[in-house]
Amino acid sequence: MIAIVKMTLVRPTRFGRTIIKKKINAHKAILKDEVNNFIYERQHRENFIRVKTFDVSIVDYKKRIVDSWSYSPTYAN
């Protein structure tokens, strides 16, 4: 299965993008764990641009959305 993570950034990148998409390929049993690990690692990188929201969509082999959620991280200053 494939998870598509759409990240909305706080400020644009040096190329002017405010939305970045990331695809994660994993087995159905561990896909949510892989997505949560990716979000955790992305959120805790100090030199990356902060993310407003993570919008996650899990699609099956026929490109149908099986599950979706969004997450808004809170950053400590």
N, C-alpha and C. Protein backbone atom coordinates (compact mmCIF):
# COMPACT_ATOMS: atom_id res chain seq x y z
N MET A 1 0.84 -1.17 0.00
CA MET A 1 0.00 0.00 0.00
C MET A 1 0.89 1.24 0.00
N ILE A 2 0.29 2.35 -0.35
CA ILE A 2 1.03 3.60 -0.46
C ILE A 2 0.36 4.65 0.42
N ALA A 3 1.17 5.38 1.14
CA ALA A 3 0.69 6.52 1.91
C ALA A 3 1.23 7.78 1.26
N ILE A 4 0.36 8.74 1.03
CA ILE A 4 0.76 10.03 0.47
C ILE A 4 0.63 11.07 1.57
N VAL A 5 1.78 11.66 1.94
CA VAL A 5 1.82 12.65 3.00
C VAL A 5 2.00 14.02 2.35
N LYS A 6 1.02 14.90 2.54
CA LYS A 6 1.09 16.25 2.00
C LYS A 6 1.41 17.20 3.16
N MET A 7 2.55 17.85 3.08
CA MET A 7 3.01 18.74 4.14
C MET A 7 2.81 20.19 3.71
N THR A 8 2.08 20.96 4.50
CA THR A 8 1.90 22.39 4.26
C THR A 8 2.89 23.12 5.16
N LEU A 9 3.81 23.85 4.54
CA LEU A 9 4.90 24.49 5.28
C LEU A 9 4.49 25.86 5.80
N VAL A 10 5.17 26.31 6.84
CA VAL A 10 4.91 27.62 7.45
C VAL A 10 5.36 28.74 6.52
N ARG A 11 6.50 28.55 5.87
CA ARG A 11 7.01 29.55 4.92
C ARG A 11 7.50 28.81 3.68
N PRO A 12 7.60 29.50 2.56
CA PRO A 12 8.02 28.82 1.33
C PRO A 12 9.48 28.37 1.36
N THR A 13 9.76 27.36 0.56
CA THR A 13 11.13 26.89 0.40
C THR A 13 11.89 27.89 -0.47
N ARG A 14 13.15 27.61 -0.73
CA ARG A 14 13.92 28.52 -1.57
C ARG A 14 13.45 28.48 -3.02
N PHE A 15 12.67 27.46 -3.37
CA PHE A 15 12.10 27.37 -4.71
C PHE A 15 10.68 27.90 -4.76
N GLY A 16 10.15 28.39 -3.64
CA GLY A 16 8.83 28.99 -3.60
C GLY A 16 7.69 28.02 -3.32
N ARG A 17 8.00 26.81 -2.94
CA ARG A 17 6.95 25.82 -2.67
C ARG A 17 6.47 25.93 -1.22
N THR A 18 5.17 25.83 -1.03
CA THR A 18 4.62 25.81 0.33
C THR A 18 3.98 24.46 0.65
N ILE A 19 3.84 23.61 -0.36
CA ILE A 19 3.30 22.26 -0.16
C ILE A 19 4.28 21.25 -0.73
N ILE A 20 4.62 20.25 0.08
CA ILE A 20 5.53 19.19 -0.35
C ILE A 20 4.80 17.87 -0.16
N LYS A 21 4.93 16.97 -1.13
CA LYS A 21 4.32 15.65 -1.04
C LYS A 21 5.39 14.59 -0.92
N LYS A 22 5.10 13.57 -0.11
CA LYS A 22 6.02 12.45 0.10
C LYS A 22 5.22 11.16 0.01
N LYS A 23 5.71 10.20 -0.76
CA LYS A 23 5.06 8.89 -0.87
C LYS A 23 5.84 7.88 -0.05
N ILE A 24 5.12 7.07 0.71
CA ILE A 24 5.74 6.04 1.53
C ILE A 24 5.14 4.70 1.12
N ASN A 25 5.98 3.79 0.69
CA ASN A 25 5.58 2.44 0.31
C ASN A 25 5.90 1.49 1.45
N ALA A 26 4.92 0.73 1.91
CA ALA A 26 5.16 -0.25 2.96
C ALA A 26 4.05 -1.29 2.95
N HIS A 27 4.27 -2.34 3.69
CA HIS A 27 3.26 -3.38 3.83
C HIS A 27 2.10 -2.84 4.66
N LYS A 28 0.93 -3.38 4.42
CA LYS A 28 -0.29 -2.89 5.07
C LYS A 28 -0.20 -2.91 6.59
N ALA A 29 0.45 -3.91 7.16
CA ALA A 29 0.51 -4.06 8.61
C ALA A 29 1.38 -3.00 9.28
N ILE A 30 2.37 -2.49 8.58
CA ILE A 30 3.29 -1.54 9.21
C ILE A 30 3.23 -0.14 8.60
N LEU A 31 2.29 0.10 7.71
CA LEU A 31 2.25 1.38 7.00
C LEU A 31 2.00 2.56 7.95
N LYS A 32 1.05 2.43 8.86
CA LYS A 32 0.75 3.54 9.77
C LYS A 32 1.93 3.83 10.69
N ASP A 33 2.65 2.79 11.11
CA ASP A 33 3.84 3.01 11.93
C ASP A 33 4.92 3.75 11.14
N GLU A 34 5.10 3.38 9.88
CA GLU A 34 6.08 4.07 9.03
C GLU A 34 5.71 5.54 8.84
N VAL A 35 4.43 5.82 8.63
CA VAL A 35 3.98 7.20 8.45
C VAL A 35 4.19 7.99 9.73
N ASN A 36 3.84 7.41 10.86
CA ASN A 36 4.03 8.10 12.14
C ASN A 36 5.51 8.34 12.44
N ASN A 37 6.38 7.39 12.09
CA ASN A 37 7.82 7.59 12.27
C ASN A 37 8.33 8.71 11.37
N PHE A 38 7.85 8.77 10.12
CA PHE A 38 8.25 9.84 9.21
C PHE A 38 7.83 11.20 9.75
N ILE A 39 6.58 11.30 10.23
CA ILE A 39 6.09 12.57 10.77
C ILE A 39 6.90 12.97 11.99
N TYR A 40 7.20 12.02 12.86
CA TYR A 40 7.99 12.31 14.07
C TYR A 40 9.38 12.81 13.70
N GLU A 41 10.04 12.12 12.78
CA GLU A 41 11.39 12.52 12.36
C GLU A 41 11.38 13.88 11.67
N ARG A 42 10.39 14.13 10.83
CA ARG A 42 10.30 15.40 10.10
C ARG A 42 10.02 16.56 11.06
N GLN A 43 9.21 16.29 12.05
CA GLN A 43 8.84 17.33 13.01
C GLN A 43 10.02 17.71 13.91
N HIS A 44 10.88 16.77 14.22
CA HIS A 44 11.97 17.02 15.17
C HIS A 44 13.30 17.38 14.52
N ARG A 45 13.32 17.62 13.21
CA ARG A 45 14.54 18.10 12.56
C ARG A 45 14.65 19.59 12.77
N GLU A 46 15.75 20.05 13.32
CA GLU A 46 15.91 21.47 13.65
C GLU A 46 16.16 22.34 12.43
N ASN A 47 16.83 21.82 11.42
CA ASN A 47 17.21 22.65 10.28
C ASN A 47 16.18 22.62 9.14
N PHE A 48 15.04 21.97 9.34
CA PHE A 48 14.00 21.92 8.32
C PHE A 48 12.97 23.01 8.57
N ILE A 49 12.26 23.42 7.54
CA ILE A 49 11.17 24.38 7.67
C ILE A 49 10.02 23.71 8.42
N ARG A 50 9.43 24.44 9.34
CA ARG A 50 8.34 23.87 10.13
C ARG A 50 7.11 23.61 9.28
N VAL A 51 6.33 22.63 9.71
CA VAL A 51 5.14 22.20 8.96
C VAL A 51 3.90 22.62 9.73
N LYS A 52 2.93 23.23 9.01
CA LYS A 52 1.64 23.59 9.62
C LYS A 52 0.79 22.35 9.81
N THR A 53 0.58 21.59 8.73
CA THR A 53 -0.25 20.39 8.81
C THR A 53 0.33 19.27 7.96
N PHE A 54 0.16 18.06 8.44
CA PHE A 54 0.45 16.85 7.69
C PHE A 54 -0.89 16.25 7.30
N ASP A 55 -1.17 16.13 6.00
CA ASP A 55 -2.39 15.49 5.51
C ASP A 55 -1.99 14.15 4.92
N VAL A 56 -2.48 13.07 5.52
CA VAL A 56 -2.09 11.72 5.12
C VAL A 56 -3.27 11.02 4.46
N SER A 57 -3.01 10.41 3.31
CA SER A 57 -4.00 9.59 2.61
C SER A 57 -3.37 8.24 2.30
N ILE A 58 -4.04 7.17 2.69
CA ILE A 58 -3.56 5.83 2.39
C ILE A 58 -4.42 5.28 1.26
N VAL A 59 -3.74 4.87 0.18
CA VAL A 59 -4.44 4.35 -0.99
C VAL A 59 -4.05 2.89 -1.22
N ASP A 60 -4.99 2.14 -1.81
CA ASP A 60 -4.71 0.74 -2.13
C ASP A 60 -4.17 0.64 -3.56
N TYR A 61 -4.07 -0.58 -4.05
CA TYR A 61 -3.46 -0.78 -5.37
C TYR A 61 -4.32 -0.25 -6.51
N LYS A 62 -5.61 0.02 -6.27
CA LYS A 62 -6.48 0.59 -7.29
C LYS A 62 -6.62 2.10 -7.14
N LYS A 63 -5.76 2.72 -6.35
CA LYS A 63 -5.72 4.16 -6.11
C LYS A 63 -6.98 4.68 -5.40
N ARG A 64 -7.64 3.82 -4.63
CA ARG A 64 -8.78 4.23 -3.82
C ARG A 64 -8.30 4.60 -2.43
N ILE A 65 -8.86 5.67 -1.87
CA ILE A 65 -8.45 6.10 -0.53
C ILE A 65 -9.09 5.17 0.50
N VAL A 66 -8.24 4.52 1.29
CA VAL A 66 -8.67 3.59 2.31
C VAL A 66 -8.80 4.29 3.65
N ASP A 67 -7.85 5.17 3.95
CA ASP A 67 -7.84 5.88 5.23
C ASP A 67 -7.18 7.23 5.01
N SER A 68 -7.60 8.22 5.80
CA SER A 68 -6.97 9.54 5.71
C SER A 68 -7.13 10.25 7.04
N TRP A 69 -6.13 11.08 7.35
CA TRP A 69 -6.18 11.90 8.54
C TRP A 69 -5.24 13.08 8.36
N SER A 70 -5.38 14.07 9.25
CA SER A 70 -4.47 15.20 9.23
C SER A 70 -3.96 15.42 10.65
N TYR A 71 -2.74 15.97 10.71
CA TYR A 71 -2.09 16.20 11.99
C TYR A 71 -1.44 17.58 11.96
N SER A 72 -1.72 18.38 12.99
CA SER A 72 -1.09 19.69 13.13
C SER A 72 -0.13 19.63 14.31
N PRO A 73 1.18 19.67 14.05
CA PRO A 73 2.14 19.55 15.14
C PRO A 73 2.23 20.82 15.97
N THR A 74 2.63 20.65 17.22
CA THR A 74 2.91 21.79 18.09
C THR A 74 4.41 21.79 18.35
N TYR A 75 5.01 22.92 18.14
CA TYR A 75 6.46 23.06 18.30
C TYR A 75 6.74 23.81 19.58
N ALA A 76 7.75 23.36 20.31
CA ALA A 76 8.21 24.07 21.50
C ALA A 76 9.22 25.12 21.05
N ASN A 77 9.11 26.33 21.53
CA ASN A 77 10.03 27.40 21.13
C ASN A 77 11.29 27.39 21.91
